Each structure stands twice: as C-alpha cells, then as structure tokens.
Amino acid sequence: MAIHYIHTNRLILIPFTLEVTKALIAGDASILPKLGLQLTPFWPDQEAIDTFPKIIKNLELVKAPTGFESYMVVHRDSMTVIGDAGFKGLPNADGEVDIGYAIIEQAQNRGYGLEAAQGLINWAFQQPNVKVITARCLLDNAPSARVLVKLGMQQVSATEEFIRWKLSNPNLEPSISS
C-alpha cells in the first residue's frame, strides 16, 4: 500500500515510517529536510519522543503502512512539524479504532488538534470495517476534552485518571425515511 498523506485546510498529515521514527528517536532530525520539512527547535518535543517507541511498535506489526498508524502533523505554510496524531493500530474485531493527537505548546489554542483529528476521522470513516472511533484523555485535560466534544464524540466512561470517548461512523447509521 502506498503511503497516504491526509490533507486538511492548514495541515498535511504525513505518516511516520520506521526509518523516520528510528532516526528521530536516535536524536537525528536531519531526515526531516529529506521529506521537504523545515527543522524547528520545538519538535520533536518530549511528548513526541515519549511516543516514538509506541509508534515503532505499531509500525513493526504491519508489513506496509496501513494508514492506521501515526502521522506527523505538518503546518502547510511553514512545512514544520507541529505535532503528531494518529491511530493506535488497526480496527479491532468490533470495528473500533483509537485516535490520539498532540500539538506542540507553541502551536496550541489555534485549532490544529481539532483539524488534525477531524482529518483522521474523515479518512477513517471512509475505510471499510471502521464503525467507531474511540479516544481517551486525562481527566484534567480540559483542552483535549473540548476538542473531543467539538468532534462530536460522546463521553462513555471515566476512571480516576481517564475519560473514554467514542464516535460512531455516521455512514453506518440507519437512515430514517420520511
């Protein structure tokens, strides 16, 4: 399967590859200009670096990118990476796929997290077997919860640490004829 970029109004979501992720985890960002990206001192930030081992693990589970892995969130105008977003693997047997996103501090509060997540959701709901998108956020992460509400997600449960959310594929809901 060819590597698929997701384009939104202001962003390009570029899939991580094993080569890119392994270089970044080793502290070598020189691979980014080879992809046409501008280096920035703000990314990868510590949150992204902490996520790289999970991204590598998910990429090693598939022979070729499926689209259900992680993406670099690239600001279209500056061609700088401002975060990462994606899925935590292929849809499960119930057609559920879990989404996550993180935007660097310098680019927060501008709608980029919402835009990246909406781009991922739009793409996912066009794929066969995707019935539900789930997410979770820390109980005290009000900005992330606001994004999930704006995406139309419904809170389904909460623990002392996390709130779990879900969004059903609107293309699969029964239509009501008049």
N, C-alpha and C. Protein backbone atom coordinates (compact mmCIF):
# COMPACT_ATOMS: atom_id res chain seq x y z
N MET A 1 0.85 -1.19 0.00
CA MET A 1 0.00 0.00 0.00
C MET A 1 0.89 1.24 0.00
N ALA A 2 0.54 2.21 -0.80
CA ALA A 2 1.31 3.45 -0.89
C ALA A 2 1.09 4.28 0.37
N ILE A 3 2.10 5.05 0.71
CA ILE A 3 1.97 5.93 1.86
C ILE A 3 0.97 7.02 1.50
N HIS A 4 0.01 7.21 2.37
CA HIS A 4 -1.10 8.13 2.12
C HIS A 4 -0.99 9.35 3.03
N TYR A 5 -0.90 10.53 2.42
CA TYR A 5 -0.93 11.77 3.18
C TYR A 5 -2.38 12.20 3.33
N ILE A 6 -2.69 12.82 4.46
CA ILE A 6 -4.02 13.38 4.69
C ILE A 6 -3.87 14.89 4.66
N HIS A 7 -4.65 15.53 3.79
CA HIS A 7 -4.60 16.99 3.65
C HIS A 7 -5.84 17.61 4.28
N THR A 8 -5.62 18.66 5.06
CA THR A 8 -6.72 19.47 5.60
C THR A 8 -6.48 20.91 5.14
N ASN A 9 -7.28 21.82 5.60
CA ASN A 9 -7.15 23.21 5.18
C ASN A 9 -5.76 23.78 5.46
N ARG A 10 -5.25 23.57 6.67
CA ARG A 10 -3.95 24.16 7.04
C ARG A 10 -2.85 23.15 7.29
N LEU A 11 -3.18 21.87 7.23
CA LEU A 11 -2.23 20.83 7.66
C LEU A 11 -2.04 19.76 6.60
N ILE A 12 -0.89 19.10 6.69
CA ILE A 12 -0.64 17.87 5.96
C ILE A 12 -0.23 16.84 7.01
N LEU A 13 -0.92 15.71 7.03
CA LEU A 13 -0.56 14.63 7.95
C LEU A 13 0.28 13.64 7.16
N ILE A 14 1.53 13.51 7.56
CA ILE A 14 2.49 12.65 6.87
C ILE A 14 2.77 11.44 7.74
N PRO A 15 2.53 10.24 7.23
CA PRO A 15 2.73 9.05 8.05
C PRO A 15 4.18 8.88 8.49
N PHE A 16 4.34 8.49 9.74
CA PHE A 16 5.65 8.08 10.21
C PHE A 16 6.02 6.79 9.50
N THR A 17 7.29 6.62 9.22
CA THR A 17 7.82 5.34 8.75
C THR A 17 8.81 4.85 9.80
N LEU A 18 9.18 3.59 9.71
CA LEU A 18 10.19 3.08 10.65
C LEU A 18 11.48 3.87 10.52
N GLU A 19 11.91 4.16 9.29
CA GLU A 19 13.16 4.88 9.07
C GLU A 19 13.13 6.25 9.75
N VAL A 20 12.04 6.99 9.55
CA VAL A 20 11.93 8.33 10.13
C VAL A 20 11.88 8.25 11.65
N THR A 21 11.05 7.35 12.17
CA THR A 21 10.88 7.27 13.62
C THR A 21 12.16 6.83 14.31
N LYS A 22 12.85 5.85 13.73
CA LYS A 22 14.11 5.39 14.35
C LYS A 22 15.17 6.48 14.31
N ALA A 23 15.22 7.27 13.25
CA ALA A 23 16.17 8.39 13.20
C ALA A 23 15.84 9.42 14.27
N LEU A 24 14.55 9.76 14.38
CA LEU A 24 14.14 10.76 15.37
C LEU A 24 14.40 10.30 16.80
N ILE A 25 14.13 9.01 17.08
CA ILE A 25 14.34 8.52 18.44
C ILE A 25 15.83 8.50 18.78
N ALA A 26 16.68 8.41 17.73
CA ALA A 26 18.12 8.45 17.93
C ALA A 26 18.64 9.89 18.00
N GLY A 27 17.72 10.86 17.91
CA GLY A 27 18.11 12.26 18.01
C GLY A 27 18.56 12.86 16.69
N ASP A 28 18.30 12.19 15.56
CA ASP A 28 18.73 12.67 14.26
C ASP A 28 17.54 13.21 13.48
N ALA A 29 17.35 14.53 13.53
CA ALA A 29 16.24 15.16 12.82
C ALA A 29 16.61 15.53 11.40
N SER A 30 17.84 15.21 10.96
CA SER A 30 18.27 15.57 9.61
C SER A 30 17.45 14.83 8.54
N ILE A 31 16.70 13.84 8.93
CA ILE A 31 15.86 13.12 7.98
C ILE A 31 14.66 13.98 7.55
N LEU A 32 14.26 14.93 8.37
CA LEU A 32 13.08 15.74 8.06
C LEU A 32 13.23 16.58 6.79
N PRO A 33 14.37 17.30 6.60
CA PRO A 33 14.51 18.05 5.34
C PRO A 33 14.47 17.16 4.10
N LYS A 34 14.85 15.90 4.22
CA LYS A 34 14.77 14.97 3.09
C LYS A 34 13.32 14.71 2.69
N LEU A 35 12.39 14.98 3.62
CA LEU A 35 10.96 14.83 3.34
C LEU A 35 10.33 16.17 2.94
N GLY A 36 11.18 17.20 2.79
CA GLY A 36 10.67 18.52 2.42
C GLY A 36 10.21 19.32 3.62
N LEU A 37 10.59 18.90 4.82
CA LEU A 37 10.15 19.57 6.04
C LEU A 37 11.25 20.47 6.58
N GLN A 38 10.83 21.57 7.19
CA GLN A 38 11.76 22.51 7.81
C GLN A 38 12.02 22.08 9.26
N LEU A 39 13.25 22.19 9.69
CA LEU A 39 13.58 21.88 11.08
C LEU A 39 13.07 23.00 11.98
N THR A 40 12.68 22.64 13.18
CA THR A 40 12.24 23.59 14.18
C THR A 40 12.78 23.14 15.53
N PRO A 41 13.13 24.08 16.39
CA PRO A 41 13.62 23.68 17.72
C PRO A 41 12.51 23.14 18.63
N PHE A 42 11.27 23.26 18.20
CA PHE A 42 10.15 22.90 19.07
C PHE A 42 9.66 21.46 18.91
N TRP A 43 10.01 20.82 17.80
CA TRP A 43 9.57 19.44 17.56
C TRP A 43 10.73 18.64 17.01
N PRO A 44 10.95 17.41 17.47
CA PRO A 44 10.10 16.72 18.42
C PRO A 44 10.28 17.24 19.85
N ASP A 45 9.16 17.39 20.53
CA ASP A 45 9.19 17.75 21.94
C ASP A 45 9.22 16.47 22.77
N GLN A 46 9.27 16.59 24.09
CA GLN A 46 9.40 15.41 24.94
C GLN A 46 8.20 14.48 24.80
N GLU A 47 7.01 15.05 24.62
CA GLU A 47 5.82 14.22 24.47
C GLU A 47 5.93 13.34 23.22
N ALA A 48 6.43 13.92 22.11
CA ALA A 48 6.61 13.15 20.88
C ALA A 48 7.69 12.07 21.09
N ILE A 49 8.79 12.45 21.70
CA ILE A 49 9.88 11.50 21.93
C ILE A 49 9.38 10.32 22.77
N ASP A 50 8.54 10.60 23.76
CA ASP A 50 7.99 9.54 24.60
C ASP A 50 7.06 8.61 23.81
N THR A 51 6.48 9.12 22.73
CA THR A 51 5.54 8.34 21.91
C THR A 51 6.25 7.49 20.86
N PHE A 52 7.48 7.86 20.47
CA PHE A 52 8.17 7.15 19.39
C PHE A 52 8.27 5.64 19.59
N PRO A 53 8.57 5.14 20.79
CA PRO A 53 8.63 3.67 20.93
C PRO A 53 7.29 2.98 20.60
N LYS A 54 6.18 3.62 20.96
CA LYS A 54 4.86 3.05 20.62
C LYS A 54 4.64 3.09 19.12
N ILE A 55 5.06 4.17 18.47
CA ILE A 55 4.91 4.28 17.02
C ILE A 55 5.73 3.19 16.33
N ILE A 56 6.96 2.99 16.79
CA ILE A 56 7.81 1.94 16.21
C ILE A 56 7.16 0.57 16.40
N LYS A 57 6.65 0.31 17.59
CA LYS A 57 6.00 -0.97 17.86
C LYS A 57 4.83 -1.22 16.91
N ASN A 58 3.98 -0.19 16.70
CA ASN A 58 2.85 -0.33 15.79
C ASN A 58 3.30 -0.53 14.34
N LEU A 59 4.35 0.19 13.92
CA LEU A 59 4.83 0.04 12.55
C LEU A 59 5.45 -1.34 12.31
N GLU A 60 6.06 -1.90 13.34
CA GLU A 60 6.67 -3.23 13.19
C GLU A 60 5.62 -4.34 13.10
N LEU A 61 4.37 -4.04 13.44
CA LEU A 61 3.30 -5.04 13.36
C LEU A 61 2.73 -5.20 11.96
N VAL A 62 3.03 -4.25 11.07
CA VAL A 62 2.47 -4.30 9.71
C VAL A 62 3.61 -4.36 8.69
N LYS A 63 3.33 -5.00 7.57
CA LYS A 63 4.35 -5.13 6.52
C LYS A 63 4.53 -3.82 5.76
N ALA A 64 3.45 -3.07 5.63
CA ALA A 64 3.47 -1.78 4.94
C ALA A 64 2.50 -0.86 5.66
N PRO A 65 2.71 0.45 5.57
CA PRO A 65 1.79 1.37 6.24
C PRO A 65 0.34 1.12 5.81
N THR A 66 -0.56 1.15 6.78
CA THR A 66 -1.97 0.90 6.52
C THR A 66 -2.80 2.18 6.62
N GLY A 67 -2.22 3.22 7.21
CA GLY A 67 -2.97 4.44 7.48
C GLY A 67 -3.45 4.49 8.92
N PHE A 68 -3.43 3.33 9.58
CA PHE A 68 -3.89 3.26 10.97
C PHE A 68 -2.73 3.35 11.96
N GLU A 69 -1.65 3.99 11.52
CA GLU A 69 -0.53 4.23 12.41
C GLU A 69 -0.51 5.72 12.75
N SER A 70 0.66 6.27 13.01
CA SER A 70 0.77 7.67 13.43
C SER A 70 1.30 8.55 12.31
N TYR A 71 0.96 9.82 12.41
CA TYR A 71 1.32 10.82 11.42
C TYR A 71 2.02 12.01 12.09
N MET A 72 2.92 12.62 11.34
CA MET A 72 3.46 13.92 11.74
C MET A 72 2.44 14.96 11.30
N VAL A 73 2.11 15.89 12.17
CA VAL A 73 1.19 16.97 11.83
C VAL A 73 2.05 18.13 11.34
N VAL A 74 1.92 18.45 10.06
CA VAL A 74 2.76 19.45 9.41
C VAL A 74 1.93 20.68 9.08
N HIS A 75 2.42 21.83 9.50
CA HIS A 75 1.78 23.09 9.14
C HIS A 75 2.09 23.36 7.68
N ARG A 76 1.06 23.45 6.86
CA ARG A 76 1.21 23.53 5.40
C ARG A 76 2.05 24.75 4.97
N ASP A 77 1.83 25.91 5.57
CA ASP A 77 2.53 27.12 5.13
C ASP A 77 4.02 27.10 5.46
N SER A 78 4.36 26.66 6.67
CA SER A 78 5.76 26.69 7.09
C SER A 78 6.49 25.36 6.84
N MET A 79 5.72 24.31 6.55
CA MET A 79 6.27 22.95 6.37
C MET A 79 7.09 22.52 7.59
N THR A 80 6.64 22.93 8.78
CA THR A 80 7.25 22.47 10.03
C THR A 80 6.30 21.50 10.71
N VAL A 81 6.88 20.55 11.44
CA VAL A 81 6.08 19.60 12.19
C VAL A 81 5.64 20.29 13.49
N ILE A 82 4.32 20.29 13.72
CA ILE A 82 3.80 20.95 14.92
C ILE A 82 3.15 19.95 15.88
N GLY A 83 3.27 18.68 15.57
CA GLY A 83 2.71 17.67 16.46
C GLY A 83 2.65 16.31 15.80
N ASP A 84 1.96 15.42 16.47
CA ASP A 84 1.74 14.10 15.91
C ASP A 84 0.32 13.68 16.26
N ALA A 85 -0.21 12.83 15.42
CA ALA A 85 -1.58 12.37 15.60
C ALA A 85 -1.71 11.03 14.88
N GLY A 86 -2.71 10.28 15.24
CA GLY A 86 -2.91 9.04 14.52
C GLY A 86 -3.74 8.06 15.29
N PHE A 87 -3.61 6.83 14.82
CA PHE A 87 -4.37 5.73 15.39
C PHE A 87 -3.42 4.80 16.12
N LYS A 88 -3.97 4.05 17.03
CA LYS A 88 -3.15 3.15 17.85
C LYS A 88 -3.24 1.73 17.32
N GLY A 89 -3.34 1.60 16.00
CA GLY A 89 -3.39 0.30 15.36
C GLY A 89 -4.64 0.10 14.53
N LEU A 90 -4.69 -1.05 13.90
CA LEU A 90 -5.81 -1.41 13.03
C LEU A 90 -7.12 -1.50 13.81
N PRO A 91 -8.25 -1.38 13.13
CA PRO A 91 -9.53 -1.56 13.82
C PRO A 91 -9.62 -2.94 14.45
N ASN A 92 -10.24 -3.02 15.63
CA ASN A 92 -10.40 -4.31 16.30
C ASN A 92 -11.58 -5.07 15.68
N ALA A 93 -11.90 -6.22 16.24
CA ALA A 93 -12.96 -7.08 15.70
C ALA A 93 -14.32 -6.38 15.68
N ASP A 94 -14.51 -5.39 16.55
CA ASP A 94 -15.77 -4.65 16.60
C ASP A 94 -15.77 -3.42 15.69
N GLY A 95 -14.69 -3.25 14.92
CA GLY A 95 -14.60 -2.10 14.03
C GLY A 95 -14.23 -0.81 14.73
N GLU A 96 -13.61 -0.92 15.91
CA GLU A 96 -13.20 0.26 16.68
C GLU A 96 -11.72 0.55 16.45
N VAL A 97 -11.41 1.82 16.32
CA VAL A 97 -10.03 2.27 16.20
C VAL A 97 -9.86 3.46 17.16
N ASP A 98 -8.73 3.47 17.85
CA ASP A 98 -8.47 4.50 18.86
C ASP A 98 -7.60 5.61 18.26
N ILE A 99 -7.96 6.85 18.53
CA ILE A 99 -7.26 8.01 17.98
C ILE A 99 -6.54 8.76 19.10
N GLY A 100 -5.44 9.40 18.75
CA GLY A 100 -4.72 10.25 19.69
C GLY A 100 -4.06 11.39 18.93
N TYR A 101 -3.74 12.46 19.62
CA TYR A 101 -3.11 13.61 18.98
C TYR A 101 -2.39 14.44 20.03
N ALA A 102 -1.36 15.13 19.59
CA ALA A 102 -0.61 16.05 20.46
C ALA A 102 -0.04 17.16 19.59
N ILE A 103 -0.22 18.38 20.02
CA ILE A 103 0.29 19.55 19.31
C ILE A 103 1.30 20.25 20.22
N ILE A 104 2.42 20.69 19.64
CA ILE A 104 3.45 21.35 20.46
C ILE A 104 2.86 22.59 21.12
N GLU A 105 3.42 22.93 22.26
CA GLU A 105 2.91 24.06 23.05
C GLU A 105 2.84 25.35 22.24
N GLN A 106 3.85 25.57 21.39
CA GLN A 106 3.93 26.82 20.62
C GLN A 106 2.81 26.94 19.58
N ALA A 107 2.11 25.85 19.27
CA ALA A 107 1.06 25.89 18.25
C ALA A 107 -0.32 25.56 18.83
N GLN A 108 -0.41 25.48 20.14
CA GLN A 108 -1.69 25.14 20.76
C GLN A 108 -2.66 26.32 20.74
N ASN A 109 -3.93 26.02 20.96
CA ASN A 109 -5.00 27.01 21.03
C ASN A 109 -5.24 27.72 19.70
N ARG A 110 -4.96 27.02 18.60
CA ARG A 110 -5.21 27.58 17.27
C ARG A 110 -6.06 26.63 16.42
N GLY A 111 -6.59 25.58 17.03
CA GLY A 111 -7.45 24.66 16.31
C GLY A 111 -6.75 23.57 15.54
N TYR A 112 -5.43 23.46 15.68
CA TYR A 112 -4.69 22.45 14.92
C TYR A 112 -5.01 21.03 15.39
N GLY A 113 -5.16 20.83 16.69
CA GLY A 113 -5.50 19.49 17.19
C GLY A 113 -6.85 19.05 16.65
N LEU A 114 -7.82 19.94 16.68
CA LEU A 114 -9.15 19.65 16.14
C LEU A 114 -9.07 19.35 14.65
N GLU A 115 -8.32 20.15 13.90
CA GLU A 115 -8.22 19.97 12.46
C GLU A 115 -7.53 18.64 12.12
N ALA A 116 -6.45 18.32 12.84
CA ALA A 116 -5.76 17.06 12.59
C ALA A 116 -6.66 15.87 12.91
N ALA A 117 -7.32 15.93 14.06
CA ALA A 117 -8.20 14.82 14.46
C ALA A 117 -9.37 14.67 13.48
N GLN A 118 -9.93 15.78 13.02
CA GLN A 118 -11.04 15.71 12.06
C GLN A 118 -10.58 15.10 10.75
N GLY A 119 -9.38 15.46 10.32
CA GLY A 119 -8.83 14.85 9.10
C GLY A 119 -8.67 13.35 9.24
N LEU A 120 -8.18 12.91 10.38
CA LEU A 120 -8.04 11.47 10.64
C LEU A 120 -9.39 10.77 10.67
N ILE A 121 -10.36 11.39 11.34
CA ILE A 121 -11.70 10.80 11.44
C ILE A 121 -12.34 10.69 10.06
N ASN A 122 -12.23 11.76 9.27
CA ASN A 122 -12.81 11.72 7.92
C ASN A 122 -12.20 10.59 7.11
N TRP A 123 -10.88 10.44 7.19
CA TRP A 123 -10.20 9.36 6.47
C TRP A 123 -10.66 7.99 6.99
N ALA A 124 -10.68 7.83 8.30
CA ALA A 124 -11.02 6.53 8.89
C ALA A 124 -12.43 6.08 8.52
N PHE A 125 -13.38 7.01 8.54
CA PHE A 125 -14.76 6.64 8.25
C PHE A 125 -14.98 6.31 6.77
N GLN A 126 -13.98 6.54 5.94
CA GLN A 126 -14.04 6.12 4.54
C GLN A 126 -13.46 4.71 4.36
N GLN A 127 -12.86 4.16 5.42
CA GLN A 127 -12.23 2.84 5.32
C GLN A 127 -13.24 1.76 5.68
N PRO A 128 -13.14 0.62 5.00
CA PRO A 128 -14.05 -0.48 5.35
C PRO A 128 -13.76 -0.95 6.78
N ASN A 129 -14.75 -1.44 7.44
CA ASN A 129 -14.64 -2.03 8.77
C ASN A 129 -14.48 -1.04 9.91
N VAL A 130 -14.45 0.27 9.66
CA VAL A 130 -14.36 1.23 10.76
C VAL A 130 -15.78 1.66 11.13
N LYS A 131 -16.21 1.22 12.31
CA LYS A 131 -17.55 1.53 12.78
C LYS A 131 -17.55 2.60 13.85
N VAL A 132 -16.48 2.61 14.67
CA VAL A 132 -16.43 3.52 15.82
C VAL A 132 -14.99 4.01 15.99
N ILE A 133 -14.86 5.28 16.32
CA ILE A 133 -13.56 5.83 16.70
C ILE A 133 -13.63 6.13 18.19
N THR A 134 -12.63 5.66 18.91
CA THR A 134 -12.56 5.89 20.35
C THR A 134 -11.39 6.80 20.66
N ALA A 135 -11.43 7.38 21.83
CA ALA A 135 -10.34 8.23 22.31
C ALA A 135 -10.37 8.21 23.83
N ARG A 136 -9.28 8.59 24.41
CA ARG A 136 -9.27 8.79 25.85
C ARG A 136 -8.40 10.00 26.14
N CYS A 137 -8.76 10.72 27.17
CA CYS A 137 -7.93 11.85 27.58
C CYS A 137 -7.87 11.87 29.11
N LEU A 138 -6.82 12.47 29.60
CA LEU A 138 -6.67 12.59 31.04
C LEU A 138 -7.84 13.39 31.60
N LEU A 139 -8.29 13.01 32.77
CA LEU A 139 -9.42 13.66 33.42
C LEU A 139 -9.23 15.17 33.53
N ASP A 140 -7.99 15.61 33.76
CA ASP A 140 -7.73 17.03 33.94
C ASP A 140 -7.28 17.74 32.66
N ASN A 141 -7.42 17.08 31.50
CA ASN A 141 -7.00 17.70 30.25
C ASN A 141 -8.21 18.32 29.56
N ALA A 142 -8.64 19.46 30.08
CA ALA A 142 -9.82 20.15 29.55
C ALA A 142 -9.68 20.54 28.07
N PRO A 143 -8.50 21.02 27.61
CA PRO A 143 -8.39 21.35 26.19
C PRO A 143 -8.65 20.15 25.27
N SER A 144 -8.11 19.00 25.63
CA SER A 144 -8.33 17.81 24.81
C SER A 144 -9.80 17.39 24.85
N ALA A 145 -10.41 17.48 26.02
CA ALA A 145 -11.83 17.14 26.13
C ALA A 145 -12.68 18.07 25.26
N ARG A 146 -12.33 19.36 25.20
CA ARG A 146 -13.07 20.31 24.35
C ARG A 146 -12.95 19.91 22.88
N VAL A 147 -11.76 19.47 22.47
CA VAL A 147 -11.58 19.02 21.08
C VAL A 147 -12.48 17.83 20.81
N LEU A 148 -12.50 16.87 21.72
CA LEU A 148 -13.31 15.67 21.51
C LEU A 148 -14.80 16.00 21.44
N VAL A 149 -15.24 16.94 22.25
CA VAL A 149 -16.64 17.37 22.19
C VAL A 149 -16.92 18.03 20.83
N LYS A 150 -16.02 18.90 20.37
CA LYS A 150 -16.20 19.57 19.08
C LYS A 150 -16.22 18.57 17.93
N LEU A 151 -15.54 17.45 18.10
CA LEU A 151 -15.55 16.40 17.07
C LEU A 151 -16.85 15.61 17.06
N GLY A 152 -17.68 15.84 18.08
CA GLY A 152 -18.95 15.13 18.17
C GLY A 152 -18.86 13.84 18.96
N MET A 153 -17.76 13.63 19.65
CA MET A 153 -17.60 12.41 20.45
C MET A 153 -18.45 12.48 21.71
N GLN A 154 -18.85 11.31 22.16
CA GLN A 154 -19.65 11.19 23.38
C GLN A 154 -18.80 10.55 24.46
N GLN A 155 -18.89 11.10 25.67
CA GLN A 155 -18.18 10.50 26.80
C GLN A 155 -18.90 9.20 27.15
N VAL A 156 -18.11 8.10 27.27
CA VAL A 156 -18.74 6.81 27.56
C VAL A 156 -18.38 6.27 28.94
N SER A 157 -17.25 6.68 29.49
CA SER A 157 -16.89 6.24 30.83
C SER A 157 -15.74 7.10 31.35
N ALA A 158 -15.49 6.96 32.64
CA ALA A 158 -14.39 7.70 33.25
C ALA A 158 -13.83 6.89 34.40
N THR A 159 -12.53 7.02 34.59
CA THR A 159 -11.87 6.44 35.75
C THR A 159 -11.32 7.61 36.55
N GLU A 160 -10.52 7.33 37.56
CA GLU A 160 -9.91 8.41 38.32
C GLU A 160 -8.87 9.15 37.49
N GLU A 161 -8.44 8.55 36.36
CA GLU A 161 -7.38 9.14 35.55
C GLU A 161 -7.85 9.58 34.16
N PHE A 162 -8.69 8.76 33.51
CA PHE A 162 -9.05 8.99 32.11
C PHE A 162 -10.55 9.10 31.88
N ILE A 163 -10.90 9.84 30.81
CA ILE A 163 -12.25 9.84 30.27
C ILE A 163 -12.16 9.12 28.92
N ARG A 164 -13.08 8.19 28.67
CA ARG A 164 -13.14 7.47 27.40
C ARG A 164 -14.28 8.06 26.56
N TRP A 165 -14.03 8.16 25.28
CA TRP A 165 -14.94 8.78 24.34
C TRP A 165 -15.17 7.86 23.15
N LYS A 166 -16.29 8.09 22.43
CA LYS A 166 -16.50 7.34 21.19
C LYS A 166 -17.33 8.16 20.22
N LEU A 167 -17.13 7.84 18.95
CA LEU A 167 -17.86 8.46 17.86
C LEU A 167 -18.20 7.36 16.86
N SER A 168 -19.50 7.18 16.61
CA SER A 168 -19.94 6.16 15.66
C SER A 168 -19.86 6.69 14.24
N ASN A 169 -19.56 5.80 13.30
CA ASN A 169 -19.48 6.16 11.90
C ASN A 169 -20.86 6.57 11.40
N PRO A 170 -21.05 7.84 11.02
CA PRO A 170 -22.38 8.29 10.59
C PRO A 170 -22.83 7.61 9.28
N ASN A 171 -21.89 7.10 8.52
CA ASN A 171 -22.24 6.43 7.27
C ASN A 171 -22.89 5.08 7.50
N LEU A 172 -22.79 4.57 8.73
CA LEU A 172 -23.35 3.25 9.03
C LEU A 172 -24.66 3.32 9.78
N GLU A 173 -25.04 4.50 10.23
CA GLU A 173 -26.27 4.64 11.00
C GLU A 173 -27.47 4.47 10.07
N PRO A 174 -28.50 3.80 10.54
CA PRO A 174 -29.68 3.60 9.69
C PRO A 174 -30.33 4.94 9.36
N SER A 175 -30.74 5.07 8.13
CA SER A 175 -31.41 6.31 7.73
C SER A 175 -32.90 6.19 8.00
N ILE A 176 -33.49 7.30 8.33
CA ILE A 176 -34.93 7.32 8.61
C ILE A 176 -35.62 7.89 7.36
N SER A 177 -36.47 7.10 6.77
CA SER A 177 -37.16 7.60 5.57
C SER A 177 -38.45 8.30 5.98
N SER A 178 -38.75 9.34 5.25
CA SER A 178 -39.95 10.11 5.60
C SER A 178 -41.14 9.69 4.78
